[in-house]
Protein backbone atom coordinates (compact mmCIF):
# COMPACT_ATOMS: atom_id res chain seq x y z
CA MET A 1 100.93 107.20 132.84
CA SER A 2 103.48 107.26 130.60
CA TYR A 3 106.92 105.23 130.25
CA ILE A 4 109.25 107.38 131.82
CA ASP A 5 106.46 106.58 135.04
CA VAL A 6 107.13 103.11 134.49
CA ILE A 7 111.14 103.50 134.65
CA THR A 8 111.61 106.98 135.85
CA LEU A 9 114.96 109.11 134.96
CA GLU A 10 116.10 108.88 138.13
CA THR A 11 116.08 104.91 138.60
CA ALA A 12 117.78 104.79 135.42
CA LYS A 13 120.49 107.14 136.00
CA THR A 14 120.90 105.16 139.41
CA TYR A 15 121.18 102.08 137.27
CA LEU A 16 123.45 103.26 135.03
CA GLY A 17 125.93 105.31 137.99
CA ILE A 18 125.21 108.43 136.66
CA ASP A 19 124.47 111.49 138.74
CA ASP A 20 124.89 114.36 136.44
CA THR A 21 122.22 116.23 134.04
CA ALA A 22 124.21 116.20 130.68
CA ARG A 23 122.55 113.11 129.35
CA ASP A 24 119.09 113.14 130.41
CA SER A 25 117.51 113.63 127.51
CA GLU A 26 119.70 110.69 126.39
CA ILE A 27 118.37 108.90 128.69
CA THR A 28 115.31 109.55 128.60
CA ARG A 29 114.96 108.44 124.99
CA MET A 30 116.53 104.77 126.27
CA ILE A 31 113.69 104.53 128.32
CA ASN A 32 111.20 104.81 125.76
CA SER A 33 112.76 103.08 123.36
CA ALA A 34 113.37 100.17 126.14
CA CYS A 35 109.84 100.34 127.12
CA SER A 36 108.73 100.38 123.26
CA TYR A 37 111.02 97.68 122.60
CA MET A 38 109.19 95.29 125.27
CA GLU A 39 105.59 96.22 124.31
CA LYS A 40 106.54 94.93 121.49
CA TYR A 41 108.25 91.52 122.15
CA THR A 42 105.64 90.63 125.00
CA ASN A 43 102.50 93.05 123.89
CA LEU A 44 102.42 93.72 127.77
CA ILE A 45 100.99 97.09 127.76
CA LEU A 46 103.15 99.17 130.05
CA SER A 47 101.62 102.66 129.49
CA GLU A 48 97.50 102.86 129.94
CA LYS A 49 96.34 103.85 126.21
CA GLU A 50 93.03 103.00 123.70
CA GLN A 51 93.64 100.77 121.26
CA THR A 52 91.86 99.75 117.95
CA TYR A 53 91.26 96.24 116.48
CA TYR A 54 90.04 95.37 113.36
CA PHE A 55 87.02 92.24 113.21
CA ASP A 56 87.65 90.16 110.73
CA ASP A 57 84.55 88.96 108.31
CA ASN A 58 83.11 86.82 111.07
CA LYS A 59 83.28 90.09 113.35
CA CYS A 60 86.07 88.60 115.55
CA VAL A 61 89.09 89.19 116.88
CA ARG A 62 92.26 88.03 118.96
CA VAL A 63 94.03 90.45 121.34
CA TYR A 64 97.05 89.51 122.75
CA ASP A 65 97.63 92.94 124.58
CA PHE A 66 97.38 92.81 128.60
CA PRO A 67 96.29 94.04 130.48
CA ILE A 68 92.91 95.53 129.30
CA ASN A 69 91.34 97.53 131.23
CA SER A 70 87.93 98.40 129.40
CA LEU A 71 85.95 98.26 126.32
CA THR A 72 84.86 101.39 124.71
CA SER A 73 83.59 100.55 121.25
CA PRO A 74 81.57 98.51 120.46
CA LEU A 75 79.52 98.22 123.79
CA ASN A 76 78.52 94.98 122.59
CA ALA A 77 81.09 92.64 122.29
CA VAL A 78 81.71 89.67 124.11
CA ARG A 79 85.02 89.06 125.44
CA THR A 80 85.93 85.40 126.13
CA ARG A 81 89.23 84.80 127.86
CA ARG A 82 91.39 82.03 126.11
CA GLY A 83 95.22 81.41 127.38
CA SER A 84 97.33 84.18 126.46
CA TYR A 85 94.85 86.43 124.50
CA SER A 86 91.12 87.52 124.73
CA PHE A 87 88.57 86.57 121.87
CA TYR A 88 86.14 89.25 121.45
CA SER A 89 83.07 89.11 118.98
CA THR A 90 80.16 91.14 118.10
CA SER A 91 76.75 90.63 116.26
CA THR A 92 76.83 94.27 115.34
CA SER A 93 77.20 93.97 111.36
CA GLU A 94 78.55 97.58 110.55
CA ALA A 95 81.10 96.97 113.38
CA THR A 96 84.76 97.38 111.81
CA GLU A 97 86.66 98.34 114.74
CA LEU A 98 87.12 96.94 118.38
CA VAL A 99 88.17 99.94 120.71
CA LEU A 100 89.81 98.70 124.49
CA ASN A 101 91.74 100.70 126.60
CA VAL A 102 94.64 98.88 127.27
CA GLY A 103 97.81 98.63 129.79
CA TYR A 104 99.13 99.26 133.14
CA THR A 105 97.35 102.18 134.92
CA ASN A 106 100.00 102.05 137.95
CA ALA A 107 103.47 101.76 137.22
CA SER A 108 103.98 99.56 140.19
CA ASP A 109 101.72 97.03 139.09
CA VAL A 110 104.30 96.60 136.07
CA PRO A 111 106.11 92.88 136.66
CA SER A 112 109.83 94.01 138.43
CA GLU A 113 111.41 92.00 136.21
CA ILE A 114 109.85 93.82 132.99
CA ILE A 115 111.25 96.95 134.66
CA GLU A 116 114.79 95.25 135.57
CA ALA A 117 114.91 93.86 131.78
CA GLY A 118 114.06 97.07 130.76
CA LEU A 119 116.90 98.84 132.57
CA GLN A 120 119.24 95.70 131.42
CA ILE A 121 118.48 96.85 127.97
CA ILE A 122 118.88 100.55 128.91
CA SER A 123 122.40 99.61 130.34
CA VAL A 124 123.47 97.73 127.25
CA TRP A 125 122.68 101.12 124.86
CA PHE A 126 124.10 103.35 127.00
CA PHE A 127 127.52 101.57 127.38
CA SER A 128 127.56 100.45 124.35
CA SER A 129 127.51 103.78 122.71
CA GLU A 130 130.17 104.98 124.30
CA LYS A 131 132.15 102.05 123.16
CA ARG A 132 130.79 102.83 119.63
CA ASN A 133 129.91 99.14 119.61
CA ASP A 134 126.82 97.49 117.85
CA THR A 135 123.64 98.58 120.10
CA SER A 136 120.91 95.58 118.26
CA ILE A 137 121.72 93.12 120.02
CA ILE A 138 119.98 92.31 122.98
CA PRO A 139 121.42 89.94 125.29
CA ILE A 140 119.70 86.45 125.84
CA ASN A 141 119.62 87.15 129.24
CA ILE A 142 116.90 89.63 129.02
CA LYS A 143 115.18 87.76 126.09
CA GLN A 144 115.08 85.02 128.39
CA ILE A 145 113.15 87.25 130.98
CA LEU A 146 111.10 89.15 128.36
CA ASP A 147 110.03 85.06 126.77
CA GLN A 148 108.42 84.29 130.14
CA HIS A 149 105.92 87.31 129.92
CA LYS A 150 105.46 86.95 126.06
CA ARG A 151 101.89 86.71 124.94
CA PHE A 152 102.20 84.82 121.66
CA LEU A 153 104.35 82.43 120.13
CA LEU A 154 105.71 82.63 116.39
């Protein structure tokens, strides 16, 4: 599954009120960028992938990414769930990396409010670019939606 499966081009075009194909590549780029932004902001991983994390000197690592599908290596790592993160530890002294399969495997499992936030981000970028306005600002209502799903606090 990829970002374009989470927010399809057709869904984005309908949301934007666009029916021609002239800007499909631009909208597709915005879909990918919006999904990437939301992943980094919340640690909700919107499409399935293998992710590598690094054990500290105590052979422990905190993983804020969600959802976690499976452990790839080391197979003896122990997972403890703690609030908004998972804590992994291993007794294997030579282990330096933890490899997990993370991310939603089915687009229908992605929370609907995350998809709505993504569509709103795409809309801001799309219509701001037409007006040549600053596209770096994400409106507060979108951040409020994403904050509800944020997996960590700074």
